[in-house]
Amino acid sequence: MRTKNLFIFLLTALIFGAAPAVVTAGDFAFFKFLGFSRDGKYLAFEESGSYDGSGGYYTHTFFVDTEKNEYALAPGLIDNFLYENPLPPKPQTRLERKIKLETAARLRQLKIVDGNTGDLLVAHLPTDWTNEPFYETDGASTETVKFNNVVYANSRDAEKYYELTLKTLPAESKDCGTDVFKFELLLADKTSSEERPVQVLQSDKTLPESRGCAYGYRIERVYFYGDRIAVFLQVFSQGFEGPDLRYRVVTARLDNEPLSKYY
């Protein structure tokens, strides 16, 4: 099963142009950021892979309102697309073809441009073990990332930057017990000489059912597009054979205009 899953994961990465990821006995989704609409109001991204245990293929496409930090439209979900041996894949079912057409229509409806991803400012892929091996977490924890959107070779002003803080907090769930966690994501804008209030990008009151029994989170990528920020998080939960990784995005309009590259 592990050999089969590895083959399917690599095949999926080639087909969908997904980011490289480590492969475990669990189910680590591949991530693909499709892009923003020209006005930055909407974005779309995909996660895809094969389920641990069954080997069924899935691809989920999410459409997000970047100012409201919520889904703009219902996700496009293709699930349980099984491979035979594992090649060639079975012909697409009518439902799968229908969902792909609906997904393309939603991208056009929101005027999302494939590849219009803005500026990638932070990237900690699942292959990055700098701080800790992929899915390991310490329960309630804090992760801090410092970055900037403008870098000059002759600049010595290291005191001006953005500071993104992810706090993992205990939660309760009737289906998962108490060993689950919600999160809070904060952005401190320290690019100005004046003190600015910390911007709360998201603060969970409860653990949403859509995250299942989430037990850990990590910051993977941070993008700026105009005055919008998009923070993609790795979300970990216990799967059939091991840890599962899925993706969620937190978006917002920045309280302050980011520094211009040409000031």
Protein backbone atom coordinates (compact mmCIF):
# COMPACT_ATOMS: atom_id res chain seq x y z
CA MET A 1 0.00 0.00 0.00
CA ARG A 2 2.84 2.43 0.81
CA THR A 3 4.50 1.79 -2.57
CA LYS A 4 1.18 2.29 -4.36
CA ASN A 5 0.47 5.51 -2.45
CA LEU A 6 3.95 6.84 -3.22
CA PHE A 7 3.45 6.21 -6.95
CA ILE A 8 0.05 7.93 -6.94
CA PHE A 9 1.39 10.92 -4.98
CA LEU A 10 4.25 11.41 -7.45
CA LEU A 11 1.89 11.01 -10.41
CA THR A 12 -0.48 13.59 -8.91
CA ALA A 13 2.39 16.04 -8.42
CA LEU A 14 3.39 15.74 -12.08
CA ILE A 15 -0.17 16.10 -13.37
CA PHE A 16 -1.25 19.02 -11.18
CA GLY A 17 2.04 20.89 -10.78
CA ALA A 18 1.75 20.57 -7.02
CA ALA A 19 4.39 21.55 -4.50
CA PRO A 20 6.82 18.81 -3.44
CA ALA A 21 5.85 17.06 -0.24
CA VAL A 22 7.12 14.28 1.98
CA VAL A 23 5.17 11.04 1.71
CA THR A 24 4.26 9.09 4.83
CA ALA A 25 1.94 6.24 5.71
CA GLY A 26 -0.67 8.91 6.32
CA ASP A 27 -2.19 11.23 3.76
CA PHE A 28 -0.29 14.44 3.00
CA ALA A 29 -2.18 16.51 0.46
CA PHE A 30 -0.39 18.28 -2.37
CA PHE A 31 -1.01 22.02 -2.52
CA LYS A 32 -1.52 24.28 -5.53
CA PHE A 33 -2.27 27.99 -5.30
CA LEU A 34 -4.31 28.90 -8.39
CA GLY A 35 -4.23 32.66 -7.87
CA PHE A 36 -6.10 35.88 -7.10
CA SER A 37 -8.65 37.78 -9.12
CA ARG A 38 -7.19 40.95 -10.65
CA ASP A 39 -8.81 43.10 -7.96
CA GLY A 40 -7.53 40.82 -5.18
CA LYS A 41 -11.00 40.24 -3.82
CA TYR A 42 -10.98 36.49 -4.40
CA LEU A 43 -8.51 33.63 -4.53
CA ALA A 44 -8.60 29.91 -5.22
CA PHE A 45 -6.40 26.98 -4.26
CA GLU A 46 -6.41 23.20 -4.56
CA GLU A 47 -5.38 20.27 -2.40
CA SER A 48 -5.11 16.80 -3.91
CA GLY A 49 -3.77 13.33 -3.20
CA SER A 50 -4.85 9.79 -2.40
CA TYR A 51 -6.54 8.65 0.80
CA ASP A 52 -4.49 6.45 3.10
CA GLY A 53 -6.08 3.04 3.38
CA SER A 54 -8.42 3.08 0.35
CA GLY A 55 -6.03 4.72 -2.10
CA GLY A 56 -8.94 6.69 -3.54
CA TYR A 57 -7.93 9.90 -5.30
CA TYR A 58 -9.30 13.32 -4.34
CA THR A 59 -8.97 16.93 -5.43
CA HIS A 60 -10.63 19.81 -3.58
CA THR A 61 -10.80 23.35 -4.96
CA PHE A 62 -11.59 26.22 -2.58
CA PHE A 63 -12.81 29.73 -3.48
CA VAL A 64 -12.21 32.43 -0.85
CA ASP A 65 -13.37 36.01 -0.31
CA THR A 66 -10.10 37.60 0.83
CA GLU A 67 -11.72 40.50 2.71
CA LYS A 68 -14.30 38.44 4.60
CA ASN A 69 -11.91 35.49 5.17
CA GLU A 70 -14.61 33.00 4.24
CA TYR A 71 -15.63 30.82 1.33
CA ALA A 72 -17.05 32.83 -1.56
CA LEU A 73 -18.59 29.78 -3.25
CA ALA A 74 -19.09 26.12 -2.43
CA PRO A 75 -15.85 24.11 -2.90
CA GLY A 76 -15.40 21.88 -5.92
CA LEU A 77 -14.91 18.37 -4.49
CA ILE A 78 -13.85 15.29 -6.41
CA ASP A 79 -13.49 12.22 -4.18
CA ASN A 80 -12.73 8.52 -4.40
CA PHE A 81 -11.36 8.49 -7.94
CA LEU A 82 -9.78 5.00 -7.83
CA TYR A 83 -6.82 3.82 -9.87
CA GLU A 84 -6.82 0.29 -11.25
CA ASN A 85 -3.23 -0.87 -11.17
CA PRO A 86 -2.54 2.11 -10.70
CA LEU A 87 -2.24 2.98 -14.42
CA PRO A 88 -4.05 3.75 -16.56
CA PRO A 89 -6.61 5.66 -14.49
CA LYS A 90 -10.24 4.80 -14.94
CA PRO A 91 -12.17 7.10 -17.29
CA GLN A 92 -13.60 10.13 -15.57
CA THR A 93 -17.10 9.61 -14.31
CA ARG A 94 -19.87 11.93 -15.40
CA LEU A 95 -19.88 13.46 -11.92
CA GLU A 96 -16.15 14.22 -12.06
CA ARG A 97 -16.45 15.85 -15.47
CA LYS A 98 -19.43 17.86 -14.20
CA ILE A 99 -17.50 19.07 -11.12
CA LYS A 100 -14.46 20.07 -13.19
CA LEU A 101 -16.66 22.10 -15.51
CA GLU A 102 -18.39 23.72 -12.52
CA THR A 103 -15.01 24.54 -10.97
CA ALA A 104 -13.83 26.21 -14.18
CA ALA A 105 -17.09 28.18 -14.29
CA ARG A 106 -16.59 29.36 -10.69
CA LEU A 107 -13.08 30.57 -11.51
CA ARG A 108 -14.49 32.58 -14.40
CA GLN A 109 -17.35 33.88 -12.25
CA LEU A 110 -14.93 35.27 -9.65
CA LYS A 111 -12.50 36.39 -12.39
CA ILE A 112 -9.67 34.46 -10.76
CA VAL A 113 -6.60 34.35 -13.00
CA ASP A 114 -4.60 31.13 -12.95
CA GLY A 115 -1.01 31.95 -11.94
CA ASN A 116 -1.84 35.42 -10.58
CA THR A 117 -0.40 34.61 -7.15
CA GLY A 118 1.09 37.93 -6.07
CA ASP A 119 4.31 38.02 -4.00
CA LEU A 120 5.41 34.90 -2.13
CA LEU A 121 7.17 36.17 1.00
CA VAL A 122 7.39 33.08 3.23
CA ALA A 123 7.65 29.40 2.28
CA HIS A 124 8.11 26.50 4.74
CA LEU A 125 7.21 23.42 2.70
CA PRO A 126 6.50 20.04 4.31
CA THR A 127 10.04 19.08 3.24
CA ASP A 128 11.45 21.82 5.50
CA TRP A 129 12.55 20.22 8.77
CA THR A 130 14.39 23.27 10.10
CA ASN A 131 12.33 23.62 13.27
CA GLU A 132 10.82 20.16 13.69
CA PRO A 133 10.05 17.12 11.49
CA PHE A 134 6.91 17.76 9.43
CA TYR A 135 3.81 16.87 11.48
CA GLU A 136 5.25 16.80 15.01
CA THR A 137 3.64 19.31 17.34
CA ASP A 138 3.73 20.06 21.04
CA GLY A 139 0.02 20.66 21.47
CA ALA A 140 -0.59 24.22 22.63
CA SER A 141 2.27 26.16 21.06
CA THR A 142 3.33 29.39 19.36
CA GLU A 143 5.05 29.81 15.99
CA THR A 144 6.46 33.18 14.92
CA VAL A 145 7.57 34.17 11.43
CA LYS A 146 9.31 37.46 10.59
CA PHE A 147 9.37 38.71 7.01
CA ASN A 148 9.25 41.75 4.78
CA ASN A 149 7.90 42.51 1.33
CA VAL A 150 10.80 44.77 0.31
CA VAL A 151 14.49 43.93 0.55
CA TYR A 152 17.32 46.23 -0.48
CA ALA A 153 20.93 45.12 -0.80
CA ASN A 154 22.21 48.25 0.96
CA SER A 155 19.50 48.39 3.62
CA ARG A 156 20.57 48.09 7.24
CA ASP A 157 17.15 48.83 8.75
CA ALA A 158 16.55 45.39 10.24
CA GLU A 159 14.05 46.77 12.75
CA LYS A 160 11.29 47.18 10.17
CA TYR A 161 9.42 43.97 9.36
CA TYR A 162 6.15 42.04 9.70
CA GLU A 163 5.74 39.54 12.52
CA LEU A 164 3.19 36.77 12.04
CA THR A 165 2.26 34.75 15.13
CA LEU A 166 0.32 31.48 15.08
CA LYS A 167 -1.00 30.35 18.46
CA THR A 168 -2.32 26.80 18.80
CA LEU A 169 -4.92 26.64 21.57
CA PRO A 170 -6.76 23.73 23.25
CA ALA A 171 -10.31 23.11 22.05
CA GLU A 172 -13.11 20.68 22.71
CA SER A 173 -15.09 18.50 20.32
CA LYS A 174 -17.92 16.09 21.01
CA ASP A 175 -16.55 13.80 18.30
CA CYS A 176 -12.83 14.12 19.06
CA GLY A 177 -12.61 14.63 22.83
CA THR A 178 -10.20 17.19 24.24
CA ASP A 179 -6.99 16.33 22.35
CA VAL A 180 -7.78 18.80 19.58
CA PHE A 181 -6.77 22.40 18.93
CA LYS A 182 -8.02 25.65 17.40
CA PHE A 183 -5.78 28.60 16.47
CA GLU A 184 -5.25 32.34 16.55
CA LEU A 185 -3.29 34.19 13.87
CA LEU A 186 -1.92 37.67 14.55
CA LEU A 187 -0.01 40.13 12.36
CA ALA A 188 2.20 42.87 13.81
CA ASP A 189 3.21 45.55 11.30
CA LYS A 190 6.61 46.88 12.39
CA THR A 191 7.54 48.43 9.06
CA SER A 192 6.86 51.95 10.31
CA SER A 193 8.55 54.08 12.95
CA GLU A 194 5.12 54.63 14.52
CA GLU A 195 3.60 51.94 16.72
CA ARG A 196 0.69 50.15 15.06
CA PRO A 197 -1.96 47.91 16.66
CA VAL A 198 -1.64 44.17 16.15
CA GLN A 199 -4.07 42.95 13.49
CA VAL A 200 -6.07 39.83 14.37
CA LEU A 201 -6.30 37.85 11.13
CA GLN A 202 -8.30 35.02 12.70
CA SER A 203 -9.21 33.90 16.22
CA ASP A 204 -11.21 30.67 16.51
CA LYS A 205 -13.91 30.59 19.13
CA THR A 206 -14.45 26.86 18.60
CA LEU A 207 -12.98 24.13 16.40
CA PRO A 208 -14.94 24.09 13.10
CA GLU A 209 -16.34 20.69 12.12
CA SER A 210 -14.76 21.07 8.67
CA ARG A 211 -11.28 20.62 10.23
CA GLY A 212 -12.13 17.27 11.77
CA CYS A 213 -9.98 16.32 14.77
CA ALA A 214 -7.21 18.84 14.10
CA TYR A 215 -4.31 18.53 16.52
CA GLY A 216 -1.71 20.84 14.98
CA TYR A 217 -1.05 23.75 12.63
CA ARG A 218 1.99 25.23 10.90
CA ILE A 219 2.55 28.26 8.68
CA GLU A 220 3.53 27.15 5.18
CA ARG A 221 3.25 30.18 2.91
CA VAL A 222 2.55 33.90 3.07
CA TYR A 223 1.53 35.95 0.02
CA PHE A 224 0.89 39.66 -0.48
CA TYR A 225 -1.29 40.85 -3.33
CA GLY A 226 -1.73 44.60 -3.24
CA ASP A 227 -3.19 45.32 0.20
CA ARG A 228 -4.30 41.68 0.75
CA ILE A 229 -2.53 38.99 2.73
CA ALA A 230 -3.03 35.23 2.33
CA VAL A 231 -1.53 32.86 4.90
CA PHE A 232 -1.70 29.17 4.01
CA LEU A 233 -1.64 26.83 7.00
CA GLN A 234 -0.89 23.13 7.23
CA VAL A 235 -3.61 21.42 9.28
CA PHE A 236 -2.81 18.04 10.86
CA SER A 237 -5.22 15.37 12.04
CA GLN A 238 -5.02 11.63 12.68
CA GLY A 239 -5.80 9.57 9.60
CA PHE A 240 -6.40 5.88 8.98
CA GLU A 241 -2.73 4.87 8.75
CA GLY A 242 -0.99 7.95 10.12
CA PRO A 243 -1.09 11.74 10.21
CA ASP A 244 -3.11 13.56 7.55
CA LEU A 245 -2.24 17.02 6.22
CA ARG A 246 -4.78 19.39 4.71
CA TYR A 247 -4.67 23.11 3.90
CA ARG A 248 -6.57 26.15 5.05
CA VAL A 249 -6.02 29.80 4.18
CA VAL A 250 -6.45 32.92 6.32
CA THR A 251 -6.98 36.12 4.37
CA ALA A 252 -7.45 39.81 5.16
CA ARG A 253 -7.10 43.32 3.89
CA LEU A 254 -4.01 44.80 5.55
CA ASP A 255 -4.74 47.58 8.04
CA ASN A 256 -1.86 49.57 6.52
CA GLU A 257 -0.68 49.75 2.93
CA PRO A 258 2.46 47.62 2.52
CA LEU A 259 5.72 49.31 1.61
CA SER A 260 6.09 50.07 -2.08
CA LYS A 261 8.96 48.49 -3.96
CA TYR A 262 9.61 51.86 -5.56
CA TYR A 263 9.50 54.35 -2.70
